Amino acid sequence: MNNNKNKNKNTVLNKNITRSPQMDPEIWSKVPPEILEYILSFLPFKTFFNLRSTCKGFWSLIFSPSFITKHSSSTSPFSSFLLLSHPQFHRHFPLYDCTLSAWRNISLSLSDSLHYNSSSSPTFTTSLVSSGGLFCITDSSSCSLFVSNLLSKLSRKIEYPSFVFHIEHLTFVTTPNGYTIFVLCSQSQTSSSSSSSSSSDSAFVYDSNMLSWTKFESFDPILRDNHHQQGVFYKGGLFFATPEPFSVVRFDLKSGKWERNIGELPNQVTFIRLVSDGKGKLYLIGGVGNNGISRSIKMWEMSEEWNWVEVEFMYLVSFQNGSDLIPDYEKIK
């Protein structure tokens, strides 16, 4: 008796499946492009990329407002990549997908843009990643910068504002309207009356909307010993963390002026890092302890009154030999 019931259920299900209406190509062909893009943007990220080879339209869809809005949120895997580089491997960049917990290998088609000759290969002095899916590399042999899109595998070549300078610091950040490149450099100058040469320090800012560089003379030397930390874009300026004695400084992208000691730092910090969530908030992450040893990690948020307000706290515990520190997740606030 039960077998007959199961057969009847299967028969009904099969009939329902066969009777389900198919998509009418004429109807879909009349859907406005913006509505079709909006519908397709709801495809899972992995499924969307698997379908790219089936239709050329999927490539242009990557840059549609619907797709960018849908996949640029903080909860999307679009902003969950870690990109590594090595000076001896100029064309391959290991990419770690934080969502899938897997490594990928990205091969860039930059051979037509980069400077090659028979005796040398391109020299990438820095590789930088932004939250917008773009990253910037420098080729000192051709005095150029390259901004690349990981999704489209396209790049833009941006020549140095001057061919006779040495980059001291390079920051690459995405902004609501594009991206900004901030360069601190030492520029060599040779006197016309003598063979002696001197150097001057300058700051250059590249605006992707204007496609041009702006030069600001005599940059603040406070960042000379802290090249490894990029600036963070916040409220029209770039914020930098300085080495000891720790402080936060701001560079105004319009006026080119520096502001020191932005917000009083908490006591007993052992290291500091600045980050932004891309939604108009600035955070400070730092270790807290004594004699340079971190006993806990805290996170502060910049308030409207330009004060650091603590928002997260996490203890660190060490093994018996004291050589390694790991987070104590049971004591996280």
Protein backbone atom coordinates (compact mmCIF):
# COMPACT_ATOMS: atom_id res chain seq x y z
CA MET A 1 0.00 0.00 0.00
CA ASN A 2 2.80 2.42 0.90
CA ASN A 3 4.61 1.58 -2.31
CA ASN A 4 1.54 2.55 -4.33
CA LYS A 5 1.32 5.88 -2.49
CA ASN A 6 4.99 6.62 -3.22
CA LYS A 7 4.50 5.79 -6.89
CA ASN A 8 1.51 8.12 -7.05
CA LYS A 9 3.53 10.93 -5.42
CA ASN A 10 6.40 10.44 -7.87
CA THR A 11 3.96 10.51 -10.77
CA VAL A 12 2.45 13.78 -9.57
CA LEU A 13 5.90 15.34 -9.08
CA ASN A 14 7.03 14.29 -12.54
CA LYS A 15 3.91 15.78 -14.08
CA ASN A 16 4.49 19.05 -12.26
CA ILE A 17 8.06 19.20 -13.47
CA THR A 18 7.17 18.54 -17.11
CA ARG A 19 4.36 21.08 -17.03
CA SER A 20 6.49 23.90 -15.57
CA PRO A 21 6.67 26.72 -18.13
CA GLN A 22 9.97 27.40 -19.85
CA MET A 23 11.50 30.84 -20.16
CA ASP A 24 10.24 32.58 -23.26
CA PRO A 25 13.21 34.12 -25.14
CA GLU A 26 10.97 36.83 -26.58
CA ILE A 27 9.99 38.02 -23.11
CA TRP A 28 13.57 38.08 -21.82
CA SER A 29 14.80 39.87 -24.94
CA LYS A 30 12.43 42.75 -24.21
CA VAL A 31 13.53 43.22 -20.60
CA PRO A 32 15.39 46.55 -20.15
CA PRO A 33 19.16 46.03 -19.72
CA GLU A 34 19.26 47.61 -16.27
CA ILE A 35 16.56 45.23 -14.99
CA LEU A 36 18.31 42.21 -16.51
CA GLU A 37 21.59 43.29 -14.90
CA TYR A 38 19.84 43.65 -11.57
CA ILE A 39 18.39 40.13 -11.81
CA LEU A 40 21.69 38.54 -12.85
CA SER A 41 23.53 40.31 -10.03
CA PHE A 42 21.75 38.00 -7.58
CA LEU A 43 23.56 34.97 -8.98
CA PRO A 44 26.03 33.42 -6.52
CA PHE A 45 29.49 34.86 -6.97
CA LYS A 46 31.01 31.49 -7.94
CA THR A 47 28.21 30.65 -10.39
CA PHE A 48 28.53 34.02 -12.07
CA PHE A 49 32.23 33.56 -12.77
CA ASN A 50 31.66 30.05 -14.12
CA LEU A 51 29.22 31.52 -16.67
CA ARG A 52 31.61 34.16 -18.01
CA SER A 53 32.80 31.90 -20.84
CA THR A 54 29.24 31.35 -22.13
CA CYS A 55 28.47 34.96 -23.05
CA LYS A 56 30.52 38.09 -23.67
CA GLY A 57 27.91 40.12 -21.85
CA PHE A 58 28.98 38.65 -18.52
CA TRP A 59 32.33 40.42 -18.82
CA SER A 60 30.74 43.87 -19.12
CA LEU A 61 28.25 42.99 -16.40
CA ILE A 62 31.11 42.93 -13.89
CA PHE A 63 31.32 46.72 -14.15
CA SER A 64 27.57 47.41 -14.03
CA PRO A 65 26.29 49.49 -11.08
CA SER A 66 24.04 46.62 -9.94
CA PHE A 67 26.89 44.11 -9.77
CA ILE A 68 29.32 46.48 -8.08
CA THR A 69 26.73 47.54 -5.49
CA LYS A 70 25.72 43.95 -4.76
CA HIS A 71 29.24 42.55 -4.39
CA SER A 72 31.13 45.47 -2.85
CA SER A 73 29.45 45.16 0.56
CA SER A 74 31.49 44.16 3.60
CA THR A 75 29.73 40.77 3.75
CA SER A 76 30.65 39.86 0.19
CA PRO A 77 33.65 37.67 -0.71
CA PHE A 78 34.51 40.44 -3.16
CA SER A 79 36.44 42.17 -0.37
CA SER A 80 37.87 39.01 1.21
CA PHE A 81 41.07 38.45 -0.75
CA LEU A 82 44.68 38.53 0.39
CA LEU A 83 47.20 39.13 -2.40
CA LEU A 84 50.89 38.30 -1.98
CA SER A 85 53.82 39.26 -4.16
CA HIS A 86 57.48 38.34 -4.47
CA PRO A 87 60.21 40.41 -6.18
CA GLN A 88 61.48 37.38 -8.11
CA PHE A 89 58.09 36.42 -9.53
CA HIS A 90 56.81 39.39 -11.49
CA ARG A 91 53.76 37.94 -13.21
CA HIS A 92 52.20 35.54 -10.69
CA PHE A 93 50.49 36.62 -7.50
CA PRO A 94 49.15 34.07 -4.98
CA LEU A 95 45.62 35.05 -4.03
CA TYR A 96 44.01 33.72 -0.87
CA ASP A 97 40.22 33.48 -0.89
CA CYS A 98 39.15 34.02 2.72
CA THR A 99 35.63 32.80 2.01
CA LEU A 100 36.63 29.48 0.42
CA SER A 101 39.81 29.14 2.53
CA ALA A 102 41.78 28.31 -0.60
CA TRP A 103 44.73 29.67 -2.57
CA ARG A 104 44.50 30.78 -6.17
CA ASN A 105 47.14 31.91 -8.62
CA ILE A 106 46.52 35.05 -10.67
CA SER A 107 48.49 35.50 -13.88
CA LEU A 108 48.51 39.07 -15.17
CA SER A 109 48.70 39.98 -18.85
CA LEU A 110 51.01 42.95 -18.44
CA SER A 111 53.76 41.97 -20.86
CA ASP A 112 52.68 44.59 -23.43
CA SER A 113 52.68 47.37 -20.87
CA LEU A 114 55.69 46.62 -18.73
CA HIS A 115 59.17 47.65 -19.68
CA TYR A 116 61.25 44.73 -20.93
CA ASN A 117 64.70 44.53 -22.41
CA SER A 118 67.12 41.73 -23.13
CA SER A 119 69.18 42.22 -20.02
CA SER A 120 66.57 42.84 -17.35
CA SER A 121 63.01 42.12 -16.35
CA PRO A 122 60.52 44.54 -14.81
CA THR A 123 61.25 45.54 -11.26
CA PHE A 124 58.22 45.78 -9.00
CA THR A 125 59.23 47.75 -5.95
CA THR A 126 55.80 47.62 -4.32
CA SER A 127 52.49 45.82 -4.75
CA LEU A 128 49.43 47.19 -3.03
CA VAL A 129 45.86 45.95 -2.68
CA SER A 130 42.71 47.96 -2.15
CA SER A 131 39.27 46.96 -0.95
CA GLY A 132 37.80 47.83 -4.33
CA GLY A 133 39.34 44.90 -6.18
CA LEU A 134 42.13 47.04 -7.66
CA PHE A 135 45.83 46.93 -6.94
CA CYS A 136 48.81 49.00 -7.95
CA ILE A 137 52.32 47.88 -8.88
CA THR A 138 55.38 49.95 -9.69
CA ASP A 139 57.87 49.30 -12.48
CA SER A 140 60.92 51.39 -11.68
CA SER A 141 62.65 50.43 -14.95
CA SER A 142 59.99 52.24 -16.99
CA CYS A 143 59.20 54.88 -14.35
CA SER A 144 55.56 53.87 -14.39
CA LEU A 145 52.74 52.72 -12.16
CA PHE A 146 50.15 50.14 -13.19
CA VAL A 147 46.65 49.97 -11.77
CA SER A 148 45.10 46.56 -12.45
CA ASN A 149 41.61 45.15 -12.11
CA LEU A 150 41.64 41.54 -10.89
CA LEU A 151 38.24 40.81 -12.40
CA SER A 152 38.69 42.19 -15.89
CA LYS A 153 42.47 41.55 -16.01
CA LEU A 154 42.90 45.04 -17.44
CA SER A 155 45.48 47.58 -16.35
CA ARG A 156 46.19 51.27 -16.78
CA LYS A 157 49.69 52.62 -17.16
CA ILE A 158 50.41 55.82 -15.24
CA GLU A 159 53.77 57.46 -15.81
CA TYR A 160 55.66 58.99 -12.92
CA PRO A 161 55.14 62.76 -12.66
CA SER A 162 58.91 63.09 -13.00
CA PHE A 163 61.46 60.64 -14.35
CA VAL A 164 64.17 61.66 -11.90
CA PHE A 165 62.94 60.73 -8.48
CA HIS A 166 63.07 57.97 -5.92
CA ILE A 167 59.83 56.79 -4.32
CA GLU A 168 60.01 57.00 -0.54
CA HIS A 169 56.40 56.02 0.15
CA LEU A 170 53.47 54.85 -1.98
CA THR A 171 49.82 54.69 -0.93
CA PHE A 172 46.99 53.47 -3.17
CA VAL A 173 43.41 53.83 -1.96
CA THR A 174 39.97 53.62 -3.52
CA THR A 175 37.59 56.50 -2.96
CA PRO A 176 33.82 56.78 -3.54
CA ASN A 177 34.50 58.27 -6.99
CA GLY A 178 37.57 56.35 -8.12
CA TYR A 179 41.04 55.91 -6.71
CA THR A 180 43.91 58.05 -5.45
CA ILE A 181 47.66 57.44 -5.62
CA PHE A 182 49.80 59.21 -3.04
CA VAL A 183 53.57 59.30 -3.54
CA LEU A 184 56.31 60.72 -1.35
CA CYS A 185 59.56 61.03 -3.24
CA SER A 186 63.05 62.47 -3.32
CA GLN A 187 63.75 64.25 -6.59
CA SER A 188 67.29 64.83 -7.85
CA GLN A 189 68.14 68.30 -9.09
CA THR A 190 71.28 69.29 -10.99
CA SER A 191 72.43 72.90 -11.06
CA SER A 192 72.94 74.38 -14.54
CA SER A 193 75.93 76.45 -13.39
CA SER A 194 77.78 73.55 -11.79
CA SER A 195 77.92 69.80 -11.82
CA SER A 196 76.71 69.53 -8.24
CA SER A 197 73.33 67.96 -7.55
CA SER A 198 70.85 68.17 -4.71
CA SER A 199 67.58 66.55 -3.77
CA SER A 200 64.19 67.97 -2.85
CA ASP A 201 61.31 66.23 -1.14
CA SER A 202 57.82 66.41 -2.61
CA ALA A 203 54.42 64.79 -2.39
CA PHE A 204 52.44 63.87 -5.51
CA VAL A 205 48.75 62.98 -5.62
CA TYR A 206 47.15 61.28 -8.64
CA ASP A 207 43.39 61.65 -9.13
CA SER A 208 41.80 58.97 -11.34
CA ASN A 209 38.97 61.34 -12.26
CA MET A 210 41.24 64.14 -13.42
CA LEU A 211 43.88 61.73 -14.82
CA SER A 212 46.58 64.07 -13.57
CA TRP A 213 49.16 64.57 -10.82
CA THR A 214 49.22 67.40 -8.28
CA LYS A 215 52.53 68.32 -6.68
CA PHE A 216 52.96 69.54 -3.10
CA GLU A 217 56.37 70.81 -2.02
CA SER A 218 58.30 69.90 1.13
CA PHE A 219 56.43 66.93 2.55
CA ASP A 220 56.59 66.14 6.23
CA PRO A 221 59.59 63.84 6.88
CA ILE A 222 57.74 62.12 9.72
CA LEU A 223 56.87 59.15 7.46
CA ARG A 224 60.40 58.42 6.27
CA ASP A 225 60.91 55.53 8.69
CA ASN A 226 57.46 54.02 8.27
CA HIS A 227 57.23 53.10 4.60
CA HIS A 228 55.45 49.79 5.11
CA GLN A 229 52.18 51.28 6.36
CA GLN A 230 49.83 52.75 3.79
CA GLY A 231 47.61 55.71 4.39
CA VAL A 232 43.89 55.26 5.03
CA PHE A 233 41.31 57.44 3.27
CA TYR A 234 38.90 59.18 5.64
CA LYS A 235 36.96 62.45 5.29
CA GLY A 236 38.89 63.85 2.37
CA GLY A 237 42.36 63.05 3.69
CA LEU A 238 44.90 60.30 4.16
CA PHE A 239 45.66 59.19 7.72
CA PHE A 240 49.01 57.63 8.62
CA ALA A 241 50.34 55.91 11.72
CA THR A 242 53.86 57.00 12.61
CA PRO A 243 56.61 54.96 14.29
CA GLU A 244 57.53 55.53 17.92
CA PRO A 245 56.61 57.80 19.52
CA PHE A 246 53.31 56.64 18.05
CA SER A 247 50.93 59.21 16.61
CA VAL A 248 48.39 59.68 13.84
CA VAL A 249 48.90 62.33 11.18
CA ARG A 250 46.62 63.52 8.38
CA PHE A 251 47.40 64.72 4.86
CA ASP A 252 44.72 66.89 3.24
CA LEU A 253 44.38 65.77 -0.39
CA LYS A 254 43.19 69.20 -1.55
CA SER A 255 45.43 71.63 0.29
CA GLY A 256 48.46 69.37 0.74
CA LYS A 257 48.77 70.36 4.41
CA TRP A 258 49.78 68.02 7.22
CA GLU A 259 48.03 67.79 10.57
CA ARG A 260 49.83 66.16 13.49
CA ASN A 261 48.55 64.26 16.52
CA ILE A 262 45.03 63.51 15.30
CA GLY A 263 43.22 62.29 18.40
CA GLU A 264 45.06 61.50 21.63
CA LEU A 265 46.30 57.91 21.52
CA PRO A 266 45.52 55.45 24.33
CA ASN A 267 48.21 54.75 26.91
CA GLN A 268 50.72 51.88 26.74
CA VAL A 269 50.21 51.02 23.07
CA THR A 270 52.91 48.72 21.67
CA PHE A 271 51.93 48.96 18.00
CA ILE A 272 49.19 50.64 15.97
CA ARG A 273 47.49 50.08 12.62
CA LEU A 274 44.86 52.20 10.89
CA VAL A 275 42.00 50.65 8.91
CA SER A 276 38.78 51.85 7.32
CA ASP A 277 35.58 49.90 6.74
CA GLY A 278 34.82 51.72 3.49
CA LYS A 279 31.65 53.18 5.00
CA GLY A 280 33.01 56.39 6.44
CA LYS A 281 34.53 55.01 9.65
CA LEU A 282 38.16 55.02 10.77
CA TYR A 283 39.54 52.45 13.20
CA LEU A 284 42.75 52.10 15.16
CA ILE A 285 43.97 48.61 16.05
CA GLY A 286 46.78 48.35 18.56
CA GLY A 287 48.52 46.22 21.10
CA VAL A 288 48.43 47.24 24.76
CA GLY A 289 51.08 46.23 27.26
CA ASN A 290 54.39 47.14 28.88
CA ASN A 291 57.99 47.29 27.63
CA GLY A 292 56.90 46.65 24.05
CA ILE A 293 55.11 43.38 24.93
CA SER A 294 51.43 43.20 23.99
CA ARG A 295 49.13 41.66 26.61
CA SER A 296 45.93 42.49 24.76
CA ILE A 297 44.67 43.88 21.47
CA LYS A 298 42.13 46.67 21.31
CA MET A 299 40.24 48.45 18.57
CA TRP A 300 39.16 52.08 18.75
CA GLU A 301 36.84 54.05 16.49
CA MET A 302 37.34 57.69 15.57
CA SER A 303 34.40 59.72 16.88
CA GLU A 304 32.89 62.87 15.42
CA GLU A 305 34.77 64.81 18.11
CA TRP A 306 38.08 63.37 16.83
CA ASN A 307 38.60 61.12 19.84
CA TRP A 308 39.44 57.42 19.90
CA VAL A 309 36.59 55.41 21.46
CA GLU A 310 37.25 51.78 22.42
CA VAL A 311 34.91 49.34 20.66
CA GLU A 312 36.64 45.92 20.94
CA PHE A 313 38.95 44.21 23.44
CA MET A 314 40.77 40.88 23.29
CA TYR A 315 43.27 39.31 25.70
CA LEU A 316 46.36 37.49 24.51
CA VAL A 317 47.64 34.34 26.19
CA SER A 318 51.11 32.85 25.79
CA PHE A 319 52.52 29.37 25.90
CA GLN A 320 54.80 28.33 28.77
CA ASN A 321 57.95 29.45 26.99
CA GLY A 322 56.36 32.84 26.30
CA SER A 323 57.51 32.80 22.70
CA ASP A 324 54.10 32.78 21.04
CA LEU A 325 50.96 34.75 21.66
CA ILE A 326 47.50 33.63 20.62
CA PRO A 327 44.10 35.29 21.07
CA ASP A 328 42.06 34.23 24.09
CA TYR A 329 38.65 34.10 22.41
CA GLU A 330 36.85 33.33 25.68
CA LYS A 331 37.70 36.80 26.93
CA ILE A 332 36.67 38.77 23.90
CA LYS A 333 34.13 41.42 24.76
